[in-house]
Amino acid sequence: MKGRGRWVADFNESFLKYRAGDVTFDLFISGNTRMKGFILSRLFSFTLNPNYEVGFFVISTDSENEPNPRRLRRWIMAVKSCMKESEMKWAWLVLLGQSPSDSVKKCVQEATDPNIGIAHMDTSSRQLISTNTYLGRQLKRYIKI
């Protein structure tokens, strides 16, 4: 993920149809915040940047798989279990779908976990709805639809 000339993380592994407990994510990308590069970049990154493990989870939604509070809670718990297994500090959960209902918007905006940024991307109108946590607000800055 790159936005406005700043790197968020160095993602180095990706998985399609990633299973975590009873949830299957369409895409899972993992990495860390320690950047790679030439000698000066590596030295700067090693001395100043923390080396946090991070993850990016994607689920595509449709009328059968529309987010509701119970389903969103289950997805968040699956992300948390992956975070615990891999010792991740941050994670993002992105829901891809078309024209979310008002209840879906409310459900996404009310999620309050500070270690998980949650967003719903509307692929038809190119609109992004995110949580009001720090990581959720950062998704708006870094994801371009």
Protein backbone atom coordinates (compact mmCIF):
# COMPACT_ATOMS: atom_id res chain seq x y z
CA MET A 1 0.00 0.00 0.00
CA LYS A 2 1.46 3.28 -1.03
CA GLY A 3 -0.05 6.70 -0.79
CA ARG A 4 1.23 10.25 -1.09
CA GLY A 5 4.86 9.15 -1.22
CA ARG A 6 4.86 7.39 2.17
CA TRP A 7 5.03 3.67 2.69
CA VAL A 8 2.71 2.08 5.19
CA ALA A 9 4.31 -1.36 5.26
CA ASP A 10 6.50 -3.70 3.29
CA PHE A 11 4.09 -6.48 2.35
CA ASN A 12 5.95 -9.63 1.38
CA GLU A 13 3.46 -12.52 1.41
CA SER A 14 -0.02 -12.83 -0.04
CA PHE A 15 -2.59 -15.60 0.10
CA LEU A 16 -5.84 -16.12 -1.78
CA LYS A 17 -8.74 -17.85 -0.01
CA TYR A 18 -6.97 -17.64 3.35
CA ARG A 19 -8.76 -19.59 6.07
CA ALA A 20 -8.72 -18.37 9.67
CA GLY A 21 -10.92 -20.48 11.92
CA ASP A 22 -14.36 -20.64 10.34
CA VAL A 23 -13.81 -17.54 8.16
CA THR A 24 -12.31 -17.58 4.68
CA PHE A 25 -10.80 -14.28 3.57
CA ASP A 26 -10.60 -13.68 -0.17
CA LEU A 27 -7.16 -12.12 0.23
CA PHE A 28 -4.63 -11.89 3.04
CA ILE A 29 -1.38 -9.94 2.73
CA SER A 30 1.23 -9.91 5.49
CA GLY A 31 4.37 -7.94 6.04
CA ASN A 32 6.10 -5.62 8.46
CA THR A 33 6.94 -1.96 8.93
CA ARG A 34 10.70 -2.40 8.50
CA MET A 35 11.49 -1.08 5.02
CA LYS A 36 14.01 -2.53 2.65
CA GLY A 37 16.23 -0.57 0.29
CA PHE A 38 19.79 0.50 -0.22
CA ILE A 39 22.28 0.88 2.62
CA LEU A 40 21.12 4.30 3.88
CA SER A 41 17.44 3.34 3.70
CA ARG A 42 18.07 0.14 5.62
CA LEU A 43 20.15 1.94 8.24
CA PHE A 44 17.47 4.62 8.68
CA SER A 45 14.72 2.00 8.87
CA PHE A 46 16.65 -0.18 11.31
CA THR A 47 17.49 2.66 13.71
CA LEU A 48 14.25 4.68 13.64
CA ASN A 49 11.33 2.48 12.56
CA PRO A 50 9.75 -0.17 14.76
CA ASN A 51 9.47 -3.61 13.20
CA TYR A 52 5.76 -4.32 13.58
CA GLU A 53 4.13 -7.26 11.86
CA VAL A 54 1.04 -6.11 9.94
CA GLY A 55 -1.75 -7.76 7.99
CA PHE A 56 -4.29 -6.75 5.36
CA PHE A 57 -7.48 -8.85 5.07
CA VAL A 58 -10.08 -8.56 2.29
CA ILE A 59 -13.56 -10.07 2.11
CA SER A 60 -15.88 -9.53 -0.83
CA THR A 61 -19.50 -9.05 0.19
CA ASP A 62 -22.73 -9.56 -1.71
CA SER A 63 -26.41 -9.94 -0.87
CA GLU A 64 -25.78 -13.38 0.70
CA ASN A 65 -22.69 -12.25 2.63
CA GLU A 66 -23.79 -8.73 3.60
CA PRO A 67 -22.13 -7.39 6.76
CA ASN A 68 -24.24 -7.25 9.88
CA PRO A 69 -23.08 -6.77 13.50
CA ARG A 70 -22.83 -10.50 14.18
CA ARG A 71 -20.98 -11.32 10.96
CA LEU A 72 -18.63 -8.33 11.32
CA ARG A 73 -17.84 -9.39 14.89
CA ARG A 74 -17.00 -12.89 13.62
CA TRP A 75 -14.69 -11.44 10.94
CA ILE A 76 -12.99 -9.20 13.51
CA MET A 77 -12.46 -12.15 15.86
CA ALA A 78 -10.88 -14.14 12.99
CA VAL A 79 -8.54 -11.20 12.27
CA LYS A 80 -7.66 -10.97 15.97
CA SER A 81 -6.83 -14.68 16.12
CA CYS A 82 -4.51 -14.27 13.11
CA MET A 83 -2.96 -11.25 14.78
CA LYS A 84 -2.32 -13.24 17.95
CA GLU A 85 -0.81 -16.20 16.04
CA SER A 86 1.52 -14.03 13.95
CA GLU A 87 2.16 -11.45 16.68
CA MET A 88 0.82 -8.64 14.50
CA LYS A 89 0.47 -5.16 15.95
CA TRP A 90 -1.82 -3.75 13.25
CA ALA A 91 -4.30 -5.16 10.79
CA TRP A 92 -6.73 -3.82 8.24
CA LEU A 93 -10.00 -5.45 7.24
CA VAL A 94 -11.49 -4.27 3.96
CA LEU A 95 -14.95 -5.30 2.83
CA LEU A 96 -15.50 -5.06 -0.93
CA GLY A 97 -19.06 -4.72 -2.14
CA GLN A 98 -21.58 -2.66 -4.02
CA SER A 99 -23.93 0.00 -2.66
CA PRO A 100 -23.98 -0.81 1.06
CA SER A 101 -27.18 -0.28 2.98
CA ASP A 102 -27.40 2.24 5.81
CA SER A 103 -27.18 -0.57 8.37
CA VAL A 104 -23.90 -1.77 6.80
CA LYS A 105 -22.49 1.77 6.88
CA LYS A 106 -23.50 2.14 10.53
CA CYS A 107 -22.09 -1.28 11.41
CA VAL A 108 -18.69 -0.45 9.86
CA GLN A 109 -18.50 3.04 11.34
CA GLU A 110 -19.31 1.81 14.86
CA ALA A 111 -16.48 -0.76 15.04
CA THR A 112 -14.05 0.53 17.65
CA ASP A 113 -11.07 -1.84 17.88
CA PRO A 114 -7.96 0.41 17.84
CA ASN A 115 -5.66 -2.30 16.42
CA ILE A 116 -7.83 -3.06 13.38
CA GLY A 117 -8.72 -0.56 10.68
CA ILE A 118 -12.02 -1.50 9.03
CA ALA A 119 -13.41 -0.10 5.81
CA HIS A 120 -16.10 -0.87 3.26
CA MET A 121 -15.24 -0.07 -0.35
CA ASP A 122 -18.20 0.46 -2.64
CA THR A 123 -16.96 -0.68 -6.04
CA SER A 124 -19.89 0.84 -7.93
CA SER A 125 -19.73 4.40 -6.56
CA ARG A 126 -16.02 4.30 -5.60
CA GLN A 127 -16.83 5.40 -2.06
CA LEU A 128 -14.92 4.35 1.06
CA ILE A 129 -16.57 4.11 4.48
CA SER A 130 -14.23 3.49 7.41
CA THR A 131 -14.15 3.28 11.18
CA ASN A 132 -13.26 6.34 13.20
CA THR A 133 -10.15 4.70 14.69
CA TYR A 134 -6.67 5.85 13.71
CA LEU A 135 -6.07 2.87 11.39
CA GLY A 136 -9.52 3.25 9.86
CA ARG A 137 -8.95 6.92 9.08
CA GLN A 138 -5.55 6.10 7.58
CA LEU A 139 -7.21 3.71 5.12
CA LYS A 140 -8.95 6.71 3.57
CA ARG A 141 -5.57 8.35 3.00
CA TYR A 142 -3.78 5.35 1.56
CA ILE A 143 -6.32 3.41 -0.46
CA LYS A 144 -7.13 4.74 -3.87
CA ILE A 145 -10.20 3.28 -5.57
